[in-house]
Protein backbone atom coordinates (compact mmCIF):
# COMPACT_ATOMS: atom_id res chain seq x y z
CA MET A 1 116.65 -28.15 -11.51
CA ALA A 2 114.04 -30.84 -11.96
CA GLU A 3 112.01 -30.99 -15.18
CA LEU A 4 108.15 -30.92 -14.97
CA PRO A 5 106.29 -33.86 -16.39
CA GLU A 6 104.63 -33.38 -19.77
CA HIS A 7 101.08 -33.98 -18.56
CA LEU A 8 101.36 -31.19 -15.97
CA LEU A 9 102.55 -28.74 -18.58
CA GLU A 10 99.66 -29.66 -20.86
CA ARG A 11 97.15 -29.15 -18.08
CA SER A 12 98.62 -25.73 -17.29
CA ARG A 13 98.43 -24.70 -20.99
CA LEU A 14 94.77 -25.70 -21.23
CA ALA A 15 93.97 -23.72 -18.10
CA ARG A 16 95.57 -20.60 -19.60
CA GLU A 17 93.57 -21.00 -22.79
CA ARG A 18 90.34 -21.15 -20.84
CA LEU A 19 91.25 -17.99 -18.97
CA THR A 20 92.65 -15.98 -21.89
CA GLY A 21 90.67 -17.41 -24.79
CA ALA A 22 93.86 -17.94 -26.75
CA ALA A 23 94.12 -21.11 -28.82
CA GLY A 24 97.27 -23.10 -28.50
CA GLU A 25 98.84 -25.82 -30.48
CA ALA A 26 97.18 -28.45 -28.36
CA PRO A 27 96.46 -31.80 -29.79
CA ALA A 28 92.98 -32.68 -30.83
CA GLN A 29 92.24 -34.57 -27.63
CA ALA A 30 92.78 -31.33 -25.64
CA ALA A 31 89.45 -30.01 -26.92
CA GLU A 32 87.68 -32.46 -24.75
CA ILE A 33 85.34 -30.87 -22.19
CA THR A 34 86.78 -30.88 -18.76
CA PRO A 35 84.69 -31.71 -15.67
CA VAL A 36 84.64 -28.01 -14.68
CA ALA A 37 83.21 -26.97 -18.08
CA ALA A 38 80.62 -29.73 -17.92
CA ALA A 39 79.54 -28.54 -14.50
CA THR A 40 79.28 -24.95 -15.79
CA ASN A 41 77.08 -26.07 -18.69
CA VAL A 42 74.78 -27.93 -16.30
CA VAL A 43 74.37 -24.84 -14.11
CA ALA A 44 73.67 -22.65 -17.18
CA ALA A 45 71.08 -25.13 -18.40
CA THR A 46 69.35 -25.28 -15.04
CA ALA A 47 69.36 -21.48 -14.84
CA ALA A 48 67.14 -21.16 -17.94
CA PRO A 49 63.72 -19.65 -17.06
CA PHE A 50 60.74 -21.98 -16.81
CA ALA A 51 57.58 -21.37 -18.99
CA VAL A 52 54.67 -20.40 -16.70
CA ILE A 53 51.40 -22.15 -17.63
CA GLU A 54 48.35 -20.41 -16.15
CA ALA A 55 45.45 -22.52 -14.89
CA PRO A 56 42.15 -22.03 -16.79
CA PRO A 57 39.61 -19.77 -14.99
CA GLU A 58 36.85 -21.46 -13.00
CA PRO A 59 33.48 -21.50 -14.79
CA THR A 60 30.90 -18.93 -13.58
CA LYS A 61 28.27 -20.40 -11.27
CA PRO A 62 24.78 -20.62 -12.87
CA TRP A 63 23.13 -18.42 -10.25
CA VAL A 64 25.85 -15.77 -10.69
CA GLN A 65 25.41 -15.84 -14.46
CA ASN A 66 21.62 -15.52 -14.06
CA SER A 67 22.05 -12.44 -11.90
CA LEU A 68 24.40 -10.92 -14.49
CA ASN A 69 21.94 -11.60 -17.29
CA ARG A 70 18.90 -10.33 -15.36
CA LYS A 71 17.48 -7.01 -16.53
CA LYS A 72 18.40 -4.16 -14.23
CA ILE A 73 15.84 -1.74 -12.78
CA PRO A 74 15.71 1.39 -14.97
CA TRP A 75 17.40 4.40 -13.42
CA TRP A 76 14.23 6.48 -13.65
CA ILE A 77 12.21 4.11 -11.43
CA ALA A 78 14.08 5.18 -8.27
CA PRO A 79 12.59 8.72 -8.06
CA VAL A 80 9.16 7.27 -8.89
CA LEU A 81 9.36 4.85 -5.97
CA LEU A 82 10.57 7.62 -3.68
CA PHE A 83 7.69 9.89 -4.69
CA LEU A 84 5.00 7.16 -4.42
CA PRO A 85 4.36 7.54 -0.64
CA VAL A 86 4.05 11.30 -1.08
CA TRP A 87 1.60 10.83 -3.95
CA MET A 88 -0.49 8.38 -1.90
CA GLY A 89 -0.69 10.87 0.96
CA ILE A 90 -1.81 13.62 -1.40
CA TYR A 91 -4.35 11.32 -3.10
CA PHE A 92 -6.00 10.06 0.07
CA GLY A 93 -5.90 13.53 1.56
CA THR A 94 -7.99 14.87 -1.30
CA LEU A 95 -10.66 12.18 -1.12
CA GLU A 96 -14.04 13.70 -0.49
CA ARG A 97 -15.22 13.44 3.10
CA PRO A 98 -18.60 14.40 4.50
CA ALA A 99 -18.83 17.73 6.26
CA VAL A 100 -19.41 17.21 9.96
CA GLN A 101 -20.47 19.80 12.52
CA ALA A 102 -18.13 20.45 15.41
CA ALA A 103 -20.48 19.17 18.14
CA GLY A 104 -23.98 17.99 18.96
CA VAL A 105 -26.34 15.58 17.22
CA LEU A 106 -25.18 16.60 13.75
CA SER A 107 -21.60 15.71 14.66
CA THR A 108 -22.67 12.28 15.88
CA GLY A 109 -24.85 11.77 12.81
CA GLY A 110 -22.02 12.79 10.49
CA GLN A 111 -19.67 10.23 12.00
CA ILE A 112 -22.28 7.48 11.66
CA TYR A 113 -23.03 8.52 8.08
CA GLU A 114 -19.34 8.35 7.18
CA SER A 115 -18.89 4.84 8.62
CA SER A 116 -22.24 3.27 7.68
CA CYS A 117 -23.83 5.19 4.79
CA ALA A 118 -21.23 7.01 2.69
CA GLY A 119 -20.06 3.79 1.05
CA CYS A 120 -23.40 3.50 -0.80
CA HIS A 121 -24.77 7.06 -0.90
CA GLY A 122 -21.49 8.92 -1.44
CA ALA A 123 -19.50 11.10 0.93
CA THR A 124 -21.59 14.17 0.07
CA GLY A 125 -24.82 12.28 -0.63
CA GLY A 126 -24.38 12.26 -4.40
CA GLY A 127 -25.29 8.58 -4.66
CA GLY A 128 -23.51 5.42 -5.75
CA SER A 129 -24.87 1.93 -5.33
CA GLY A 130 -27.46 3.71 -3.17
CA PRO A 131 -29.68 6.58 -4.35
CA GLN A 132 -28.82 10.26 -4.25
CA LEU A 133 -29.61 12.11 -1.02
CA ASN A 134 -28.27 15.61 -1.63
CA ASP A 135 -29.90 18.51 -3.49
CA GLY A 136 -33.07 17.88 -1.49
CA GLU A 137 -33.62 14.32 -2.80
CA VAL A 138 -33.91 12.85 0.69
CA ILE A 139 -36.64 15.36 1.61
CA ALA A 140 -38.50 14.68 -1.65
CA THR A 141 -38.44 10.96 -0.90
CA PHE A 142 -39.37 11.22 2.81
CA ALA A 143 -41.55 14.23 3.65
CA SER A 144 -41.32 13.44 7.38
CA TRP A 145 -38.33 12.30 9.35
CA GLU A 146 -40.44 9.59 11.04
CA ASP A 147 -41.00 7.87 7.67
CA GLN A 148 -37.28 8.04 6.94
CA VAL A 149 -36.45 6.56 10.35
CA ALA A 150 -38.83 3.64 9.64
CA TRP A 151 -37.05 3.03 6.31
CA VAL A 152 -33.62 3.02 7.95
CA VAL A 153 -34.89 0.67 10.68
CA ASN A 154 -36.35 -1.90 8.27
CA GLY A 155 -34.42 -1.47 5.04
CA SER A 156 -35.56 -3.38 1.98
CA PRO A 157 -35.93 -7.19 1.87
CA ALA A 158 -35.15 -7.30 -1.86
CA ALA A 159 -34.48 -5.20 -4.93
CA GLY A 160 -37.48 -3.61 -6.66
CA ILE A 161 -39.41 -2.69 -3.50
CA PRO A 162 -41.03 0.79 -3.81
CA TYR A 163 -40.62 3.22 -0.92
CA GLY A 164 -41.05 6.88 -0.04
CA GLU A 165 -43.63 9.46 -1.10
CA ALA A 166 -46.04 8.27 -3.77
CA ASP A 167 -46.39 11.78 -5.20
CA ARG A 168 -42.64 12.32 -5.40
CA PRO A 169 -41.54 13.90 -8.71
CA GLY A 170 -40.66 10.93 -10.88
CA GLY A 171 -42.66 8.54 -8.71
CA GLN A 172 -41.64 6.41 -5.77
CA ARG A 173 -38.11 5.19 -5.50
CA GLU A 174 -37.32 1.50 -5.76
CA SER A 175 -34.55 -0.41 -4.06
CA ALA A 176 -32.39 -1.55 -6.92
CA GLY A 177 -29.61 -3.91 -7.87
CA ALA A 178 -27.08 -5.23 -5.41
CA GLY A 179 -27.41 -2.10 -3.29
CA LYS A 180 -30.66 -2.94 -1.52
CA MET A 181 -31.08 -1.06 1.74
CA PRO A 182 -29.94 -3.07 4.79
CA ALA A 183 -31.96 -3.07 8.02
CA PHE A 184 -29.86 -0.87 10.30
CA ASN A 185 -31.94 -1.79 13.35
CA ARG A 186 -29.62 -4.81 13.54
CA SER A 187 -26.39 -2.78 13.69
CA LEU A 188 -27.23 0.70 15.08
CA GLU A 189 -28.83 1.85 18.32
CA ALA A 190 -32.01 3.98 18.27
CA ASP A 191 -30.16 7.24 19.03
CA GLN A 192 -27.64 6.49 16.24
CA ILE A 193 -30.41 5.96 13.69
CA LEU A 194 -32.12 9.19 14.76
CA ALA A 195 -28.83 11.12 14.65
CA VAL A 196 -27.89 9.96 11.16
CA VAL A 197 -31.40 10.73 9.85
CA MET A 198 -31.10 14.25 11.24
CA TYR A 199 -27.68 14.66 9.65
CA GLU A 200 -28.91 13.50 6.23
CA ARG A 201 -31.94 15.81 6.28
CA VAL A 202 -29.94 18.88 7.34
CA GLN A 203 -26.64 18.28 5.54
CA HIS A 204 -27.91 16.70 2.32
CA GLY A 205 -31.57 17.68 2.24
CA GLY A 206 -31.15 21.31 3.30
CA GLN A 207 -33.82 21.14 5.98
CA ASP A 208 -33.65 23.75 8.73
CA GLU A 209 -32.20 22.28 11.92
CA ALA A 210 -34.86 24.14 13.94
CA ASP A 211 -37.59 22.08 12.24
CA LEU A 212 -36.08 18.94 13.76
CA GLY A 213 -36.23 20.07 17.39
CA VAL A 214 -38.19 17.01 18.54
CA LEU A 215 -35.80 14.65 16.80
CA GLU A 216 -32.79 16.37 18.37
CA ALA A 217 -34.43 16.36 21.79
CA VAL A 218 -35.09 12.62 21.60
CA VAL A 219 -31.47 11.93 20.69
CA ASN A 220 -30.19 14.10 23.54
CA GLY A 221 -32.60 12.45 25.97
CA ILE A 222 -31.37 8.99 25.01
CA GLU A 223 -27.70 10.00 25.23
CA GLN A 224 -28.22 11.57 28.66
CA GLY A 225 -30.03 8.48 29.95
CA GLU A 226 -33.33 10.29 30.43
CA LEU A 227 -35.16 8.32 27.72
CA THR A 228 -35.24 4.70 26.65
CA VAL A 229 -36.21 4.15 23.02
CA GLU A 230 -36.10 0.89 21.13
CA PHE A 231 -37.14 0.37 17.54
CA GLU A 232 -38.70 -2.91 16.46
CA ASP A 233 -38.55 -4.56 13.06
CA GLY A 234 -41.56 -3.74 10.92
CA MET A 235 -42.29 -0.35 12.53
CA THR A 236 -43.94 2.21 10.23
CA GLY A 237 -43.69 5.97 10.18
CA ASP A 238 -46.98 6.15 12.11
CA ASP A 239 -45.52 3.85 14.77
CA ILE A 240 -42.54 6.18 15.14
CA ARG A 241 -44.85 9.21 15.46
CA ALA A 242 -46.90 7.48 18.14
CA LEU A 243 -43.76 6.48 20.04
CA VAL A 244 -42.43 10.05 20.02
CA ALA A 245 -45.83 11.43 21.08
CA ASP A 246 -45.80 9.07 24.09
CA LEU A 247 -42.51 10.62 25.18
CA GLY A 248 -44.47 13.83 25.95
CA PHE A 249 -42.46 16.39 24.00
CA ASP A 250 -44.12 19.74 23.45
CA THR A 251 -43.48 20.35 19.73
CA ALA A 252 -44.53 24.01 19.90
CA GLU A 253 -42.23 24.67 22.84
CA LEU A 254 -39.29 23.02 21.07
CA ALA A 255 -39.94 25.08 17.93
CA ALA A 256 -39.93 28.28 19.99
CA GLU A 257 -36.51 27.46 21.37
């Protein structure tokens, strides 16, 4: 039987020690690290976990930061904004509007008054930048409708011009301030001027509609194309009376109707 070399026996003993953990009587040089152990240590070292370094967060954009810092709309403003259209409808629906008859000359006159006169004299004739017309004031100022028509035709060239009845309680009126009376002969037709005068005298002045039969007949005649009436600048109440007389209306007959 052949005898094993010494170096092979030593290698076998070292291998057993690694497997069993038992220490032998190996010489000091046997404690040297073998290539296998070195490789194992390298693997263990490489298997250690790496430290994860997080990247710093990106800075917030200026416009984003401004929006974050901006004051938010208060919560209670939302129902206010929702109710605003309803409130506006209620408000404008309750604004005072002039009463207008359903048909006829008074209806036409009421529409003209609303568009051309209410802005100064008030929707119900209570006055504003223009003088009061209701509560009989228009009748006290102009005893006859012809004189009132002449005033509407010509207006007032400047503030401070007296007009109307001289014996009116409190004296004659005067056109005042920025609300001087414009000459409506430039913007309204003759039948429109007559219609709005009739409306003001009946609706605001309280005059009986039957007392204005001639005036109503003239308006109807113009609207039906049976009469042609034109007012000229500078006409007086007497000129209006003469013009109406030339039309041939029977005042007594109209009053009887």
